[in-house]
């Protein structure tokens, strides 16, 4: 029963990390004026602060789920870490 909850939490964190990555990509595309539709405008204007909070909370949650567990490259936790690494790379390196 415990493993089902852990797997569910890993999947939810992966989906949150992926969603956050997609939102940051949408924001970047709006900033460079590649796409200026209403959805991209909404992400740029309204979703910035939740995206920023998630940017710092999600790594803490992902690392907290790794405590006292084996780490596998074929896990949702590793995929979440990859999404976060890409996210930080896009934001802080490519500005």
N, C-alpha and C. Protein backbone atom coordinates (compact mmCIF):
# COMPACT_ATOMS: atom_id res chain seq x y z
N UNK A 1 0.82 -1.20 0.00
CA UNK A 1 0.00 0.00 0.00
C UNK A 1 0.87 1.27 0.00
N UNK A 2 1.98 1.22 0.76
CA UNK A 2 2.86 2.38 0.84
C UNK A 2 3.50 2.68 -0.51
N UNK A 3 3.86 1.65 -1.26
CA UNK A 3 4.50 1.85 -2.57
C UNK A 3 3.55 2.49 -3.57
N UNK A 4 2.27 2.20 -3.46
CA UNK A 4 1.29 2.80 -4.37
C UNK A 4 1.24 4.31 -4.14
N UNK A 5 1.25 4.72 -2.86
CA UNK A 5 1.22 6.15 -2.56
C UNK A 5 2.50 6.84 -3.01
N UNK A 6 3.63 6.19 -2.82
CA UNK A 6 4.90 6.78 -3.24
C UNK A 6 4.94 6.94 -4.75
N UNK A 7 4.49 5.93 -5.47
CA UNK A 7 4.45 6.00 -6.93
C UNK A 7 3.50 7.10 -7.40
N UNK A 8 2.35 7.22 -6.74
CA UNK A 8 1.39 8.26 -7.09
C UNK A 8 1.97 9.65 -6.85
N UNK A 9 2.65 9.83 -5.74
CA UNK A 9 3.29 11.12 -5.44
C UNK A 9 4.36 11.44 -6.48
N UNK A 10 5.15 10.44 -6.87
CA UNK A 10 6.17 10.66 -7.89
C UNK A 10 5.56 11.08 -9.22
N UNK A 11 4.47 10.44 -9.59
CA UNK A 11 3.81 10.78 -10.86
C UNK A 11 3.23 12.19 -10.80
N UNK A 12 2.61 12.55 -9.68
CA UNK A 12 2.04 13.89 -9.53
C UNK A 12 3.14 14.95 -9.58
N UNK A 13 4.25 14.71 -8.90
CA UNK A 13 5.36 15.67 -8.95
C UNK A 13 5.93 15.79 -10.36
N UNK A 14 6.01 14.68 -11.07
CA UNK A 14 6.49 14.73 -12.45
C UNK A 14 5.55 15.57 -13.32
N UNK A 15 4.25 15.39 -13.15
CA UNK A 15 3.29 16.17 -13.93
C UNK A 15 3.36 17.66 -13.58
N UNK A 16 3.55 17.97 -12.31
CA UNK A 16 3.69 19.37 -11.91
C UNK A 16 4.96 19.99 -12.48
N UNK A 17 6.06 19.25 -12.45
CA UNK A 17 7.32 19.75 -13.01
C UNK A 17 7.21 19.95 -14.51
N UNK A 18 6.57 19.03 -15.19
CA UNK A 18 6.39 19.15 -16.64
C UNK A 18 5.48 20.33 -16.98
N UNK A 19 4.41 20.49 -16.22
CA UNK A 19 3.51 21.61 -16.45
C UNK A 19 4.23 22.94 -16.22
N UNK A 20 5.02 23.01 -15.17
CA UNK A 20 5.78 24.22 -14.90
C UNK A 20 6.76 24.52 -16.03
N UNK A 21 7.41 23.48 -16.56
CA UNK A 21 8.32 23.66 -17.68
C UNK A 21 7.59 24.19 -18.91
N UNK A 22 6.44 23.64 -19.21
CA UNK A 22 5.66 24.08 -20.37
C UNK A 22 5.22 25.54 -20.19
N UNK A 23 4.82 25.91 -18.98
CA UNK A 23 4.41 27.29 -18.73
C UNK A 23 5.57 28.26 -18.89
N UNK A 24 6.77 27.88 -18.44
CA UNK A 24 7.93 28.75 -18.61
C UNK A 24 8.30 28.88 -20.09
N UNK A 25 8.16 27.80 -20.84
CA UNK A 25 8.42 27.87 -22.28
C UNK A 25 7.41 28.79 -22.95
N UNK A 26 6.13 28.69 -22.55
CA UNK A 26 5.11 29.59 -23.10
C UNK A 26 5.42 31.04 -22.77
N UNK A 27 5.86 31.28 -21.55
CA UNK A 27 6.21 32.65 -21.15
C UNK A 27 7.38 33.16 -21.98
N UNK A 28 8.38 32.32 -22.20
CA UNK A 28 9.52 32.71 -23.01
C UNK A 28 9.14 33.01 -24.45
N UNK A 29 8.25 32.20 -25.00
CA UNK A 29 7.80 32.45 -26.37
C UNK A 29 7.03 33.75 -26.48
N UNK A 30 6.28 34.10 -25.44
CA UNK A 30 5.56 35.37 -25.45
C UNK A 30 6.54 36.55 -25.34
N UNK A 31 7.58 36.39 -24.53
CA UNK A 31 8.54 37.47 -24.34
C UNK A 31 9.28 37.78 -25.64
N UNK A 32 9.67 36.75 -26.38
CA UNK A 32 10.39 36.99 -27.64
C UNK A 32 9.43 37.21 -28.80
N UNK A 33 8.15 37.31 -28.50
CA UNK A 33 7.09 37.61 -29.46
C UNK A 33 6.98 36.59 -30.59
N UNK A 34 7.27 35.33 -30.29
CA UNK A 34 7.07 34.27 -31.26
C UNK A 34 5.60 33.92 -31.37
N UNK A 35 4.91 33.93 -30.22
CA UNK A 35 3.49 33.61 -30.20
C UNK A 35 2.81 34.58 -29.23
N UNK A 36 1.80 35.27 -29.70
CA UNK A 36 1.14 36.26 -28.85
C UNK A 36 -0.35 36.00 -28.70
N UNK A 37 -0.74 34.74 -28.64
CA UNK A 37 -2.16 34.43 -28.47
C UNK A 37 -2.60 34.73 -27.04
N UNK A 38 -3.89 34.59 -26.79
CA UNK A 38 -4.46 34.92 -25.48
C UNK A 38 -3.92 34.02 -24.37
N UNK A 39 -3.73 32.73 -24.68
CA UNK A 39 -3.21 31.82 -23.65
C UNK A 39 -1.79 32.22 -23.24
N UNK A 40 -0.97 32.56 -24.20
CA UNK A 40 0.40 32.97 -23.90
C UNK A 40 0.41 34.30 -23.13
N UNK A 41 -0.50 35.19 -23.47
CA UNK A 41 -0.60 36.46 -22.77
C UNK A 41 -1.03 36.24 -21.32
N UNK A 42 -1.98 35.32 -21.11
CA UNK A 42 -2.43 35.01 -19.75
C UNK A 42 -1.28 34.45 -18.92
N UNK A 43 -0.51 33.53 -19.51
CA UNK A 43 0.63 32.96 -18.79
C UNK A 43 1.62 34.05 -18.43
N UNK A 44 1.86 34.97 -19.36
CA UNK A 44 2.82 36.05 -19.11
C UNK A 44 2.33 36.99 -18.01
N UNK A 45 1.05 37.33 -18.03
CA UNK A 45 0.55 38.34 -17.09
C UNK A 45 0.08 37.78 -15.76
N UNK A 46 -0.61 36.67 -15.78
CA UNK A 46 -1.29 36.19 -14.57
C UNK A 46 -0.59 35.04 -13.85
N UNK A 47 0.11 34.19 -14.54
CA UNK A 47 0.64 32.98 -13.93
C UNK A 47 2.09 33.09 -13.49
N UNK A 48 2.66 34.28 -13.50
CA UNK A 48 4.08 34.43 -13.19
C UNK A 48 4.41 34.06 -11.75
N UNK A 49 3.68 34.60 -10.79
CA UNK A 49 4.01 34.34 -9.39
C UNK A 49 3.78 32.87 -8.98
N UNK A 50 2.69 32.22 -9.39
CA UNK A 50 2.59 30.79 -9.09
C UNK A 50 3.71 29.96 -9.73
N UNK A 51 4.11 30.35 -10.95
CA UNK A 51 5.21 29.64 -11.61
C UNK A 51 6.52 29.86 -10.86
N UNK A 52 6.73 31.07 -10.37
CA UNK A 52 7.94 31.38 -9.63
C UNK A 52 7.99 30.63 -8.30
N UNK A 53 6.85 30.58 -7.60
CA UNK A 53 6.80 29.82 -6.35
C UNK A 53 7.05 28.33 -6.61
N UNK A 54 6.45 27.81 -7.67
CA UNK A 54 6.64 26.40 -8.01
C UNK A 54 8.08 26.11 -8.38
N UNK A 55 8.75 27.08 -8.96
CA UNK A 55 10.14 26.90 -9.35
C UNK A 55 11.04 26.61 -8.16
N UNK A 56 10.70 27.14 -7.00
CA UNK A 56 11.51 26.91 -5.81
C UNK A 56 10.94 25.83 -4.89
N UNK A 57 9.65 25.60 -4.94
CA UNK A 57 9.05 24.58 -4.08
C UNK A 57 9.20 23.17 -4.66
N UNK A 58 9.07 23.03 -5.98
CA UNK A 58 9.14 21.70 -6.59
C UNK A 58 10.46 20.98 -6.36
N UNK A 59 11.63 21.63 -6.47
CA UNK A 59 12.86 20.89 -6.17
C UNK A 59 12.92 20.38 -4.74
N UNK A 60 12.40 21.16 -3.81
CA UNK A 60 12.39 20.73 -2.41
C UNK A 60 11.51 19.48 -2.26
N UNK A 61 10.35 19.50 -2.89
CA UNK A 61 9.45 18.34 -2.80
C UNK A 61 10.04 17.11 -3.46
N UNK A 62 10.68 17.29 -4.61
CA UNK A 62 11.26 16.14 -5.31
C UNK A 62 12.39 15.54 -4.49
N UNK A 63 13.25 16.38 -3.93
CA UNK A 63 14.35 15.87 -3.12
C UNK A 63 13.83 15.25 -1.83
N UNK A 64 12.75 15.80 -1.28
CA UNK A 64 12.17 15.21 -0.06
C UNK A 64 11.62 13.81 -0.33
N UNK A 65 11.13 13.57 -1.53
CA UNK A 65 10.63 12.22 -1.82
C UNK A 65 11.75 11.22 -2.04
N UNK A 66 12.97 11.71 -2.26
CA UNK A 66 14.10 10.81 -2.49
C UNK A 66 14.74 10.32 -1.20
N UNK A 67 14.38 10.91 -0.06
CA UNK A 67 14.99 10.54 1.21
C UNK A 67 14.61 9.11 1.56
N UNK A 68 15.61 8.32 1.95
CA UNK A 68 15.45 6.92 2.37
C UNK A 68 14.87 6.03 1.27
N UNK A 69 15.16 6.35 0.02
CA UNK A 69 14.70 5.50 -1.07
C UNK A 69 15.84 5.30 -2.06
N UNK A 70 15.76 4.19 -2.79
CA UNK A 70 16.74 3.97 -3.84
C UNK A 70 16.40 4.87 -5.02
N UNK A 71 17.43 5.38 -5.65
CA UNK A 71 17.24 6.29 -6.78
C UNK A 71 17.54 5.53 -8.06
N UNK A 72 16.60 5.54 -8.98
CA UNK A 72 16.74 4.83 -10.24
C UNK A 72 16.62 5.81 -11.40
N UNK A 73 17.39 5.56 -12.44
CA UNK A 73 17.33 6.41 -13.63
C UNK A 73 16.00 6.22 -14.35
N UNK A 74 15.37 5.10 -14.18
CA UNK A 74 14.10 4.81 -14.85
C UNK A 74 12.91 5.11 -13.94
N UNK A 75 12.97 6.22 -13.24
CA UNK A 75 11.88 6.56 -12.33
C UNK A 75 11.31 7.93 -12.67
N UNK A 76 10.13 8.19 -12.16
CA UNK A 76 9.51 9.49 -12.35
C UNK A 76 10.27 10.57 -11.58
N UNK A 77 10.93 10.19 -10.50
CA UNK A 77 11.72 11.16 -9.74
C UNK A 77 12.86 11.68 -10.60
N UNK A 78 13.53 10.80 -11.32
CA UNK A 78 14.62 11.23 -12.20
C UNK A 78 14.08 12.11 -13.33
N UNK A 79 12.93 11.76 -13.88
CA UNK A 79 12.33 12.60 -14.92
C UNK A 79 11.96 13.98 -14.37
N UNK A 80 11.49 14.02 -13.13
CA UNK A 80 11.17 15.30 -12.50
C UNK A 80 12.43 16.15 -12.34
N UNK A 81 13.51 15.52 -11.91
CA UNK A 81 14.77 16.25 -11.77
C UNK A 81 15.27 16.76 -13.12
N UNK A 82 15.09 15.97 -14.17
CA UNK A 82 15.48 16.43 -15.50
C UNK A 82 14.64 17.63 -15.94
N UNK A 83 13.34 17.58 -15.70
CA UNK A 83 12.48 18.72 -16.04
C UNK A 83 12.91 19.97 -15.27
N UNK A 84 13.22 19.81 -14.00
CA UNK A 84 13.66 20.95 -13.21
C UNK A 84 14.99 21.50 -13.70
N UNK A 85 15.90 20.61 -14.07
CA UNK A 85 17.20 21.05 -14.58
C UNK A 85 17.03 21.82 -15.89
N UNK A 86 16.19 21.33 -16.78
CA UNK A 86 15.91 22.04 -18.04
C UNK A 86 15.27 23.38 -17.74
N UNK A 87 14.36 23.39 -16.79
CA UNK A 87 13.67 24.62 -16.40
C UNK A 87 14.66 25.67 -15.90
N UNK A 88 15.53 25.30 -14.97
CA UNK A 88 16.52 26.24 -14.45
C UNK A 88 17.49 26.68 -15.55
N UNK A 89 17.85 25.77 -16.44
CA UNK A 89 18.73 26.12 -17.55
C UNK A 89 18.07 27.16 -18.45
N UNK A 90 16.82 26.94 -18.78
CA UNK A 90 16.11 27.90 -19.64
C UNK A 90 15.98 29.27 -19.00
N UNK A 91 15.72 29.29 -17.71
CA UNK A 91 15.46 30.56 -17.03
C UNK A 91 16.75 31.32 -16.73
N UNK A 92 17.71 30.64 -16.13
CA UNK A 92 18.88 31.35 -15.63
C UNK A 92 20.04 31.43 -16.61
N UNK A 93 20.12 30.52 -17.56
CA UNK A 93 21.23 30.54 -18.51
C UNK A 93 20.84 31.24 -19.81
N UNK A 94 19.68 30.92 -20.34
CA UNK A 94 19.29 31.46 -21.64
C UNK A 94 18.58 32.82 -21.56
N UNK A 95 18.08 33.21 -20.42
CA UNK A 95 17.38 34.48 -20.21
C UNK A 95 16.90 35.07 -21.50
